[in-house]
C-alpha atoms as a PDB file:
ATOM      1  CA  UNK A   1      -0.034-127.877 129.269  1.00  0.00           C
ATOM      2  CA  UNK A   2       1.280-131.548 129.354  1.00  0.00           C
ATOM      3  CA  UNK A   3       4.443-133.123 129.067  1.00  0.00           C
ATOM      4  CA  UNK A   4       4.135-134.128 125.440  1.00  0.00           C
ATOM      5  CA  UNK A   5       3.856-129.998 124.870  1.00  0.00           C
ATOM      6  CA  UNK A   6       6.575-129.037 126.835  1.00  0.00           C
ATOM      7  CA  UNK A   7       8.448-131.508 125.041  1.00  0.00           C
ATOM      8  CA  UNK A   8       8.000-130.174 121.732  1.00  0.00           C
ATOM      9  CA  UNK A   9       8.584-126.690 122.726  1.00  0.00           C
ATOM     10  CA  UNK A  10      11.739-127.698 123.756  1.00  0.00           C
ATOM     11  CA  UNK A  11      12.915-128.743 120.847  1.00  0.00           C
ATOM     12  CA  UNK A  12      11.536-125.970 119.054  1.00  0.00           C
ATOM     13  CA  UNK A  13      13.707-123.639 121.092  1.00  0.00           C
ATOM     14  CA  UNK A  14      16.585-125.611 120.826  1.00  0.00           C
ATOM     15  CA  UNK A  15      16.331-125.847 117.182  1.00  0.00           C
ATOM     16  CA  UNK A  16      15.800-122.167 116.386  1.00  0.00           C
ATOM     17  CA  UNK A  17      18.417-120.929 118.957  1.00  0.00           C
ATOM     18  CA  UNK A  18      18.580-117.638 116.903  1.00  0.00           C
ATOM     19  CA  UNK A  19      16.831-114.528 116.904  1.00  0.00           C
ATOM     20  CA  UNK A  20      15.913-112.395 113.551  1.00  0.00           C
ATOM     21  CA  UNK A  21      16.691-108.424 114.110  1.00  0.00           C
ATOM     22  CA  UNK A  22      16.483-105.878 111.503  1.00  0.00           C
ATOM     23  CA  UNK A  23      19.368-103.725 110.389  1.00  0.00           C
ATOM     24  CA  UNK A  24      19.847-100.585 108.237  1.00  0.00           C
ATOM     25  CA  UNK A  25      20.482-101.422 105.093  1.00  0.00           C
ATOM     26  CA  UNK A  26      23.420 -99.698 103.589  1.00  0.00           C
ATOM     27  CA  UNK A  27      24.524 -98.306  99.996  1.00  0.00           C
ATOM     28  CA  UNK A  28      27.963 -97.534  98.240  1.00  0.00           C
ATOM     29  CA  UNK A  29      30.437 -96.072 100.384  1.00  0.00           C
ATOM     30  CA  UNK A  30      28.501 -97.362 103.507  1.00  0.00           C
ATOM     31  CA  UNK A  31      25.708 -94.586 103.160  1.00  0.00           C
ATOM     32  CA  UNK A  32      22.848 -95.234 105.253  1.00  0.00           C
ATOM     33  CA  UNK A  33      19.373 -96.024 103.479  1.00  0.00           C
ATOM     34  CA  UNK A  34      15.917 -95.393 104.623  1.00  0.00           C
ATOM     35  CA  UNK A  35      15.295 -99.341 104.224  1.00  0.00           C
ATOM     36  CA  UNK A  36      15.983-101.825 106.747  1.00  0.00           C
ATOM     37  CA  UNK A  37      16.524-105.747 106.350  1.00  0.00           C
ATOM     38  CA  UNK A  38      15.973-108.690 108.643  1.00  0.00           C
ATOM     39  CA  UNK A  39      18.851-110.909 109.278  1.00  0.00           C
ATOM     40  CA  UNK A  40      19.633-113.993 111.591  1.00  0.00           C
ATOM     41  CA  UNK A  41      21.749-113.546 114.729  1.00  0.00           C
ATOM     42  CA  UNK A  42      23.391-116.349 114.122  1.00  0.00           C
ATOM     43  CA  UNK A  43      24.875-116.352 110.480  1.00  0.00           C
ATOM     44  CA  UNK A  44      23.621-112.712 110.000  1.00  0.00           C
ATOM     45  CA  UNK A  45      22.130-114.438 106.521  1.00  0.00           C
ATOM     46  CA  UNK A  46      19.084-112.151 105.065  1.00  0.00           C
ATOM     47  CA  UNK A  47      15.861-113.135 105.596  1.00  0.00           C
ATOM     48  CA  UNK A  48      12.434-112.724 104.078  1.00  0.00           C
ATOM     49  CA  UNK A  49      11.592-111.481 100.625  1.00  0.00           C
ATOM     50  CA  UNK A  50      11.435-108.004 101.427  1.00  0.00           C
ATOM     51  CA  UNK A  51      12.799-104.923 103.347  1.00  0.00           C
ATOM     52  CA  UNK A  52      10.841-103.421 106.439  1.00  0.00           C
ATOM     53  CA  UNK A  53      10.131-100.379 108.186  1.00  0.00           C
ATOM     54  CA  UNK A  54      12.437 -99.735 111.215  1.00  0.00           C
ATOM     55  CA  UNK A  55       9.752 -99.987 113.348  1.00  0.00           C
ATOM     56  CA  UNK A  56       9.119-103.241 112.265  1.00  0.00           C
ATOM     57  CA  UNK A  57       8.859-105.755 115.660  1.00  0.00           C
ATOM     58  CA  UNK A  58      10.135-109.559 114.346  1.00  0.00           C
ATOM     59  CA  UNK A  59       8.203-112.695 116.117  1.00  0.00           C
ATOM     60  CA  UNK A  60      10.373-114.717 118.518  1.00  0.00           C
ATOM     61  CA  UNK A  61      11.614-117.886 118.853  1.00  0.00           C
ATOM     62  CA  UNK A  62       9.127-117.992 122.171  1.00  0.00           C
ATOM     63  CA  UNK A  63       6.161-117.105 119.817  1.00  0.00           C
ATOM     64  CA  UNK A  64       7.240-120.298 117.701  1.00  0.00           C
ATOM     65  CA  UNK A  65       7.478-122.523 120.907  1.00  0.00           C
ATOM     66  CA  UNK A  66       3.587-121.063 121.914  1.00  0.00           C
ATOM     67  CA  UNK A  67       2.350-122.125 118.755  1.00  0.00           C
ATOM     68  CA  UNK A  68       3.894-125.635 118.647  1.00  0.00           C
ATOM     69  CA  UNK A  69       2.815-126.206 122.260  1.00  0.00           C
ATOM     70  CA  UNK A  70      -0.647-125.013 121.059  1.00  0.00           C
ATOM     71  CA  UNK A  71      -0.580-127.451 118.026  1.00  0.00           C
ATOM     72  CA  UNK A  72       0.269-130.227 120.149  1.00  0.00           C
ATOM     73  CA  UNK A  73      -3.504-130.033 121.748  1.00  0.00           C
ATOM     74  CA  UNK A  74      -4.987-130.570 118.597  1.00  0.00           C
ATOM     75  CA  UNK A  75      -4.032-134.376 118.465  1.00  0.00           C
ATOM     76  CA  UNK A  76      -3.923-136.453 121.451  1.00  0.00           C
ATOM     77  CA  UNK A  77      -0.133-137.664 120.818  1.00  0.00           C
ATOM     78  CA  UNK A  78       2.416-136.782 118.683  1.00  0.00           C
ATOM     79  CA  UNK A  79       4.672-139.297 117.340  1.00  0.00           C
ATOM     80  CA  UNK A  80       7.404-136.877 115.166  1.00  0.00           C
ATOM     81  CA  UNK A  81       8.212-133.347 115.061  1.00  0.00           C
ATOM     82  CA  UNK A  82      10.317-131.783 112.348  1.00  0.00           C
ATOM     83  CA  UNK A  83      11.877-127.846 112.446  1.00  0.00           C
ATOM     84  CA  UNK A  84      12.768-126.000 109.008  1.00  0.00           C
ATOM     85  CA  UNK A  85      14.046-122.470 108.889  1.00  0.00           C
ATOM     86  CA  UNK A  86      13.412-120.767 105.364  1.00  0.00           C
ATOM     87  CA  UNK A  87      12.400-116.977 105.374  1.00  0.00           C
ATOM     88  CA  UNK A  88      10.723-118.251 108.586  1.00  0.00           C
ATOM     89  CA  UNK A  89       9.793-120.965 110.885  1.00  0.00           C
ATOM     90  CA  UNK A  90       8.363-124.378 109.883  1.00  0.00           C
ATOM     91  CA  UNK A  91       7.004-126.920 111.893  1.00  0.00           C
ATOM     92  CA  UNK A  92       5.858-130.240 111.083  1.00  0.00           C
ATOM     93  CA  UNK A  93       3.852-131.890 114.070  1.00  0.00           C
ATOM     94  CA  UNK A  94       2.869-135.931 113.218  1.00  0.00           C
ATOM     95  CA  UNK A  95      -0.048-137.234 115.321  1.00  0.00           C
ATOM     96  CA  UNK A  96       0.058-141.105 116.719  1.00  0.00           C
ATOM     97  CA  UNK A  97      -0.542-143.870 114.367  1.00  0.00           C
ATOM     98  CA  UNK A  98      -4.157-144.032 115.611  1.00  0.00           C
ATOM     99  CA  UNK A  99      -5.170-141.238 112.871  1.00  0.00           C
ATOM    100  CA  UNK A 100      -3.842-143.135 110.094  1.00  0.00           C
ATOM    101  CA  UNK A 101      -6.431-143.778 107.658  1.00  0.00           C
ATOM    102  CA  UNK A 102      -6.186-146.663 104.657  1.00  0.00           C
ATOM    103  CA  UNK A 103      -7.525-145.211 101.491  1.00  0.00           C
ATOM    104  CA  UNK A 104      -6.972-148.239  99.203  1.00  0.00           C
ATOM    105  CA  UNK A 105      -6.701-151.515 101.364  1.00  0.00           C
ATOM    106  CA  UNK A 106      -4.181-151.551 103.876  1.00  0.00           C
ATOM    107  CA  UNK A 107      -0.752-150.384 101.545  1.00  0.00           C
ATOM    108  CA  UNK A 108      -2.134-147.080 100.887  1.00  0.00           C
ATOM    109  CA  UNK A 109      -2.394-145.270 103.755  1.00  0.00           C
ATOM    110  CA  UNK A 110      -2.708-141.320 104.789  1.00  0.00           C
ATOM    111  CA  UNK A 111      -1.577-139.803 108.318  1.00  0.00           C
ATOM    112  CA  UNK A 112      -2.526-136.184 109.118  1.00  0.00           C
ATOM    113  CA  UNK A 113       0.405-133.552 109.360  1.00  0.00           C
ATOM    114  CA  UNK A 114      -0.032-129.974 111.426  1.00  0.00           C
ATOM    115  CA  UNK A 115       2.070-127.490 109.514  1.00  0.00           C
ATOM    116  CA  UNK A 116       2.788-124.642 111.471  1.00  0.00           C
ATOM    117  CA  UNK A 117       4.507-121.580 109.679  1.00  0.00           C
ATOM    118  CA  UNK A 118       5.680-118.151 110.853  1.00  0.00           C
ATOM    119  CA  UNK A 119       7.130-116.414 108.067  1.00  0.00           C
ATOM    120  CA  UNK A 120       8.462-112.749 107.954  1.00  0.00           C
ATOM    121  CA  UNK A 121       6.575-111.719 104.706  1.00  0.00           C
ATOM    122  CA  UNK A 122       3.988-109.432 106.640  1.00  0.00           C
ATOM    123  CA  UNK A 123       1.880-112.175 106.613  1.00  0.00           C
ATOM    124  CA  UNK A 124      -0.252-114.081 109.687  1.00  0.00           C
ATOM    125  CA  UNK A 125       1.170-117.018 111.281  1.00  0.00           C
ATOM    126  CA  UNK A 126      -0.734-120.180 109.962  1.00  0.00           C
ATOM    127  CA  UNK A 127      -1.490-123.822 110.698  1.00  0.00           C
ATOM    128  CA  UNK A 128      -2.748-126.123 107.956  1.00  0.00           C
ATOM    129  CA  UNK A 129      -3.844-129.335 108.366  1.00  0.00           C
ATOM    130  CA  UNK A 130      -1.664-131.626 105.722  1.00  0.00           C
ATOM    131  CA  UNK A 131      -1.088-135.110 105.138  1.00  0.00           C
ATOM    132  CA  UNK A 132       2.023-137.828 104.458  1.00  0.00           C
ATOM    133  CA  UNK A 133       1.078-140.618 102.201  1.00  0.00           C
ATOM    134  CA  UNK A 134       3.472-143.470 103.164  1.00  0.00           C
ATOM    135  CA  UNK A 135       2.987-145.289  99.988  1.00  0.00           C
ATOM    136  CA  UNK A 136       5.275-142.767  98.196  1.00  0.00           C
ATOM    137  CA  UNK A 137       6.374-140.110 100.965  1.00  0.00           C
ATOM    138  CA  UNK A 138       4.151-137.370  99.483  1.00  0.00           C
ATOM    139  CA  UNK A 139       3.691-134.352 101.929  1.00  0.00           C
ATOM    140  CA  UNK A 140       0.933-132.442 100.977  1.00  0.00           C
ATOM    141  CA  UNK A 141      -1.594-129.900 101.775  1.00  0.00           C
ATOM    142  CA  UNK A 142      -4.949-129.656  99.792  1.00  0.00           C
ATOM    143  CA  UNK A 143      -5.623-126.177  99.326  1.00  0.00           C
ATOM    144  CA  UNK A 144      -9.080-126.327  98.477  1.00  0.00           C
ATOM    145  CA  UNK A 145     -11.248-126.759 101.356  1.00  0.00           C
ATOM    146  CA  UNK A 146     -10.879-123.666 103.750  1.00  0.00           C
ATOM    147  CA  UNK A 147     -11.272-125.349 106.855  1.00  0.00           C
ATOM    148  CA  UNK A 148      -7.977-127.124 106.380  1.00  0.00           C
ATOM    149  CA  UNK A 149      -6.102-123.766 107.449  1.00  0.00           C
ATOM    150  CA  UNK A 150      -6.098-121.498 110.614  1.00  0.00           C
ATOM    151  CA  UNK A 151      -4.787-117.680 110.185  1.00  0.00           C
ATOM    152  CA  UNK A 152      -3.200-116.556 113.598  1.00  0.00           C
ATOM    153  CA  UNK A 153      -2.653-112.888 114.181  1.00  0.00           C
ATOM    154  CA  UNK A 154       0.830-111.537 114.377  1.00  0.00           C
ATOM    155  CA  UNK A 155       0.466-109.949 118.039  1.00  0.00           C
ATOM    156  CA  UNK A 156       3.097-109.528 120.851  1.00  0.00           C
ATOM    157  CA  UNK A 157       3.116-111.997 123.554  1.00  0.00           C
ATOM    158  CA  UNK A 158       1.303-115.182 121.980  1.00  0.00           C
ATOM    159  CA  UNK A 159       2.259-117.249 125.007  1.00  0.00           C
ATOM    160  CA  UNK A 160      -0.023-115.281 127.062  1.00  0.00           C
ATOM    161  CA  UNK A 161      -2.976-116.302 124.723  1.00  0.00           C
ATOM    162  CA  UNK A 162      -2.252-119.965 124.647  1.00  0.00           C
ATOM    163  CA  UNK A 163      -6.011-120.586 125.447  1.00  0.00           C
ATOM    164  CA  UNK A 164      -6.954-118.736 122.458  1.00  0.00           C
ATOM    165  CA  UNK A 165      -4.044-120.404 120.153  1.00  0.00           C
ATOM    166  CA  UNK A 166      -5.640-123.880 121.365  1.00  0.00           C
ATOM    167  CA  UNK A 167      -9.264-123.198 120.538  1.00  0.00           C
ATOM    168  CA  UNK A 168      -7.906-122.014 117.000  1.00  0.00           C
ATOM    169  CA  UNK A 169      -6.094-125.040 116.330  1.00  0.00           C
ATOM    170  CA  UNK A 170      -8.699-127.335 117.618  1.00  0.00           C
ATOM    171  CA  UNK A 171     -10.623-126.482 114.377  1.00  0.00           C
ATOM    172  CA  UNK A 172      -8.203-128.457 112.763  1.00  0.00           C
ATOM    173  CA  UNK A 173      -9.126-131.917 114.209  1.00  0.00           C
ATOM    174  CA  UNK A 174     -12.202-131.879 113.087  1.00  0.00           C
ATOM    175  CA  UNK A 175     -11.075-131.200 109.629  1.00  0.00           C
ATOM    176  CA  UNK A 176      -8.899-134.735 109.464  1.00  0.00           C
ATOM    177  CA  UNK A 177     -12.184-136.557 108.878  1.00  0.00           C
ATOM    178  CA  UNK A 178     -13.330-134.458 106.174  1.00  0.00           C
ATOM    179  CA  UNK A 179      -9.761-134.309 104.835  1.00  0.00           C
ATOM    180  CA  UNK A 180     -10.103-138.092 104.689  1.00  0.00           C
ATOM    181  CA  UNK A 181     -13.333-137.656 103.020  1.00  0.00           C
ATOM    182  CA  UNK A 182     -11.985-135.353 100.091  1.00  0.00           C
ATOM    183  CA  UNK A 183      -9.534-138.146  99.586  1.00  0.00           C
ATOM    184  CA  UNK A 184     -12.025-140.832  99.178  1.00  0.00           C
ATOM    185  CA  UNK A 185     -13.767-138.650  96.854  1.00  0.00           C
ATOM    186  CA  UNK A 186     -10.686-138.354  94.804  1.00  0.00           C
ATOM    187  CA  UNK A 187     -10.260-142.319  94.983  1.00  0.00           C
ATOM    188  CA  UNK A 188     -13.640-142.990  93.657  1.00  0.00           C
ATOM    189  CA  UNK A 189     -13.566-140.849  90.709  1.00  0.00           C
ATOM    190  CA  UNK A 190     -11.850-142.376  87.580  1.00  0.00           C
ATOM    191  CA  UNK A 191      -9.687-140.002  84.820  1.00  0.00           C
ATOM    192  CA  UNK A 192      -7.858-140.797  81.810  1.00  0.00           C
ATOM    193  CA  UNK A 193      -4.263-140.335  82.962  1.00  0.00           C
ATOM    194  CA  UNK A 194      -3.236-138.827  79.512  1.00  0.00           C
ATOM    195  CA  UNK A 195      -5.866-136.247  79.725  1.00  0.00           C
ATOM    196  CA  UNK A 196      -5.012-135.418  83.212  1.00  0.00           C
ATOM    197  CA  UNK A 197      -1.404-134.419  82.343  1.00  0.00           C
ATOM    198  CA  UNK A 198      -2.337-132.136  79.457  1.00  0.00           C
ATOM    199  CA  UNK A 199      -4.978-130.495  81.329  1.00  0.00           C
ATOM    200  CA  UNK A 200      -2.317-130.251  84.216  1.00  0.00           C
ATOM    201  CA  UNK A 201       0.808-129.385  82.032  1.00  0.00           C
ATOM    202  CA  UNK A 202      -0.780-128.661  78.491  1.00  0.00           C
ATOM    203  CA  UNK A 203       0.084-130.083  75.257  1.00  0.00           C
ATOM    204  CA  UNK A 204       3.744-129.861  73.962  1.00  0.00           C
ATOM    205  CA  UNK A 205       4.425-127.023  71.339  1.00  0.00           C
ATOM    206  CA  UNK A 206       3.959-128.643  67.938  1.00  0.00           C
ATOM    207  CA  UNK A 207       7.148-127.193  66.359  1.00  0.00           C
ATOM    208  CA  UNK A 208       9.745-127.023  69.455  1.00  0.00           C
ATOM    209  CA  UNK A 209      11.683-130.567  69.958  1.00  0.00           C
ATOM    210  CA  UNK A 210      12.651-128.904  73.339  1.00  0.00           C
ATOM    211  CA  UNK A 211       9.060-128.783  74.214  1.00  0.00           C
ATOM    212  CA  UNK A 212       8.488-131.989  73.206  1.00  0.00           C
ATOM    213  CA  UNK A 213      11.308-133.647  74.582  1.00  0.00           C
ATOM    214  CA  UNK A 214      10.472-132.000  78.307  1.00  0.00           C
ATOM    215  CA  UNK A 215       6.856-133.237  78.114  1.00  0.00           C
ATOM    216  CA  UNK A 216       8.051-136.829  77.168  1.00  0.00           C
ATOM    217  CA  UNK A 217      10.499-136.905  79.888  1.00  0.00           C
ATOM    218  CA  UNK A 218       8.174-135.660  82.438  1.00  0.00           C
ATOM    219  CA  UNK A 219       5.476-137.753  81.167  1.00  0.00           C
ATOM    220  CA  UNK A 220       7.714-140.814  81.624  1.00  0.00           C
ATOM    221  CA  UNK A 221       9.014-139.865  84.795  1.00  0.00           C
ATOM    222  CA  UNK A 222       5.387-139.808  86.172  1.00  0.00           C
ATOM    223  CA  UNK A 223       3.976-142.888  84.727  1.00  0.00           C
ATOM    224  CA  UNK A 224       7.144-144.785  86.305  1.00  0.00           C
ATOM    225  CA  UNK A 225       5.638-143.206  89.165  1.00  0.00           C
ATOM    226  CA  UNK A 226       2.017-143.820  88.524  1.00  0.00           C
ATOM    227  CA  UNK A 227       2.922-147.458  87.808  1.00  0.00           C
ATOM    228  CA  UNK A 228       5.641-148.239  90.942  1.00  0.00           C
ATOM    229  CA  UNK A 229       2.910-146.900  93.371  1.00  0.00           C
ATOM    230  CA  UNK A 230       0.268-149.499  91.695  1.00  0.00           C
ATOM    231  CA  UNK A 231       2.119-152.509  92.282  1.00  0.00           C
ATOM    232  CA  UNK A 232       2.992-151.425  95.761  1.00  0.00           C
ATOM    233  CA  UNK A 233      -0.556-150.683  96.708  1.00  0.00           C
ATOM    234  CA  UNK A 234      -1.812-153.835  95.401  1.00  0.00           C
ATOM    235  CA  UNK A 235      -4.039-152.534  92.600  1.00  0.00           C
ATOM    236  CA  UNK A 236      -4.506-153.845  89.189  1.00  0.00           C
ATOM    237  CA  UNK A 237      -2.549-153.550  86.470  1.00  0.00           C
ATOM    238  CA  UNK A 238      -3.567-150.207  84.086  1.00  0.00           C
ATOM    239  CA  UNK A 239      -6.482-150.435  82.100  1.00  0.00           C
ATOM    240  CA  UNK A 240      -6.365-148.225  78.710  1.00  0.00           C
ATOM    241  CA  UNK A 241      -9.738-147.385  77.932  1.00  0.00           C
ATOM    242  CA  UNK A 242     -10.742-145.370  74.827  1.00  0.00           C
ATOM    243  CA  UNK A 243      -7.202-144.619  74.058  1.00  0.00           C
ATOM    244  CA  UNK A 244      -6.680-143.490  77.621  1.00  0.00           C
ATOM    245  CA  UNK A 245      -5.023-144.953  81.082  1.00  0.00           C
ATOM    246  CA  UNK A 246      -7.905-144.939  83.267  1.00  0.00           C
ATOM    247  CA  UNK A 247      -6.629-144.442  86.939  1.00  0.00           C
ATOM    248  CA  UNK A 248      -8.672-143.261  90.170  1.00  0.00           C
ATOM    249  CA  UNK A 249      -8.148-139.000  90.605  1.00  0.00           C
ATOM    250  CA  UNK A 250      -6.332-139.642  93.681  1.00  0.00           C
ATOM    251  CA  UNK A 251      -3.530-141.494  91.981  1.00  0.00           C
ATOM    252  CA  UNK A 252      -3.436-138.825  89.523  1.00  0.00           C
ATOM    253  CA  UNK A 253      -3.154-136.339  91.936  1.00  0.00           C
ATOM    254  CA  UNK A 254      -0.428-137.953  93.596  1.00  0.00           C
ATOM    255  CA  UNK A 255       1.480-138.790  90.694  1.00  0.00           C
ATOM    256  CA  UNK A 256       1.891-135.169  89.812  1.00  0.00           C
ATOM    257  CA  UNK A 257       2.515-134.009  93.429  1.00  0.00           C
ATOM    258  CA  UNK A 258       5.041-136.623  93.883  1.00  0.00           C
ATOM    259  CA  UNK A 259       6.992-135.480  90.656  1.00  0.00           C
ATOM    260  CA  UNK A 260       6.796-131.953  91.438  1.00  0.00           C
ATOM    261  CA  UNK A 261       7.930-132.752  95.249  1.00  0.00           C
ATOM    262  CA  UNK A 262      10.546-135.482  94.415  1.00  0.00           C
ATOM    263  CA  UNK A 263      11.676-135.430  90.700  1.00  0.00           C
ATOM    264  CA  UNK A 264      11.185-132.219  89.098  1.00  0.00           C
ATOM    265  CA  UNK A 265      14.376-129.855  88.400  1.00  0.00           C
ATOM    266  CA  UNK A 266      15.010-127.168  91.137  1.00  0.00           C
ATOM    267  CA  UNK A 267      17.441-124.523  90.792  1.00  0.00           C
ATOM    268  CA  UNK A 268      20.245-124.888  93.526  1.00  0.00           C
ATOM    269  CA  UNK A 269      20.237-127.743  95.554  1.00  0.00           C
ATOM    270  CA  UNK A 270      17.186-127.509  97.435  1.00  0.00           C
ATOM    271  CA  UNK A 271      16.722-129.710 100.452  1.00  0.00           C
ATOM    272  CA  UNK A 272      14.148-132.256 101.043  1.00  0.00           C
ATOM    273  CA  UNK A 273      11.928-130.113 102.836  1.00  0.00           C
ATOM    274  CA  UNK A 274      12.443-127.165 100.830  1.00  0.00           C
ATOM    275  CA  UNK A 275      11.291-129.480  97.956  1.00  0.00           C
ATOM    276  CA  UNK A 276       8.268-130.056 100.112  1.00  0.00           C
ATOM    277  CA  UNK A 277       7.483-126.266 100.213  1.00  0.00           C
ATOM    278  CA  UNK A 278       8.113-125.992  96.434  1.00  0.00           C
ATOM    279  CA  UNK A 279       5.736-128.491  95.767  1.00  0.00           C
ATOM    280  CA  UNK A 280       2.912-127.352  97.866  1.00  0.00           C
ATOM    281  CA  UNK A 281       3.061-124.273  96.432  1.00  0.00           C
ATOM    282  CA  UNK A 282       3.394-125.100  92.662  1.00  0.00           C
ATOM    283  CA  UNK A 283       0.253-124.022  90.591  1.00  0.00           C
ATOM    284  CA  UNK A 284       1.051-127.216  88.786  1.00  0.00           C
ATOM    285  CA  UNK A 285      -0.264-129.441  91.839  1.00  0.00           C
ATOM    286  CA  UNK A 286      -3.089-126.766  92.776  1.00  0.00           C
ATOM    287  CA  UNK A 287      -4.258-127.702  89.322  1.00  0.00           C
ATOM    288  CA  UNK A 288      -3.833-131.040  89.573  1.00  0.00           C
ATOM    289  CA  UNK A 289      -6.044-130.909  93.078  1.00  0.00           C
ATOM    290  CA  UNK A 290      -8.683-128.927  91.392  1.00  0.00           C
ATOM    291  CA  UNK A 291      -8.921-131.759  88.886  1.00  0.00           C
ATOM    292  CA  UNK A 292      -8.803-134.588  91.082  1.00  0.00           C
ATOM    293  CA  UNK A 293     -11.732-132.795  92.863  1.00  0.00           C
ATOM    294  CA  UNK A 294     -14.183-131.563  90.358  1.00  0.00           C
ATOM    295  CA  UNK A 295     -12.934-132.545  86.846  1.00  0.00           C
END
């Protein structure tokens, strides 16, 4: 294990300096129930979307450290590491700049991201090959190609299985060139932005002023983002063909993904990282991805 991996593991351990443990849930008058909940040991906030059995074994920070150290082996160098806790551990690794790929000229670049997720919802750990688009700060994971994702069984003593973990993670490195090819496929397709947005969000209800207002505000916000990004990337002005503004499918997808990540109204006051998670799970983003790839 190299020094870089150990340093990443140290940062994860210092950031997630708490455990998650089950405690019996109580009813009125402090009556015990047959259900148990998961709670952080530092703030005692509840964790996860559901109750668990008393036999549930929660994964530990050491498990997340092992996943992170294995993830650091995917690429040759890590420039940055981000940690976030939201009903589970999320770690994002950014490889060195040598993996940067230009999609349009030299102003529209994408960088790989390794996303590690260890939730408390009864599912496997997962590692996904995502990307960062520096033109607009969009952080995303494409869901349509399966080799960009690795599922890791939730077992005890992950650190003792480091060689197996590293082997599973290595598949993500090969996926980077495939992911870039997928993005370039989107860039090479032309779509009508007007039709694209209707296919993603649907047309507004004719007899509903509120629906028309929401639709208009959303379209205007997305077009402002699209126009701003075209100017920054050095692309030509929008061309109107047969009543529709023609753009690359990559631009159209990013306009929707960027709107969902940065601009869409969200309940509460989600952090930037929570906005990324919400955007990546948005059905609108998934529809936009499918349309951008296959029409």
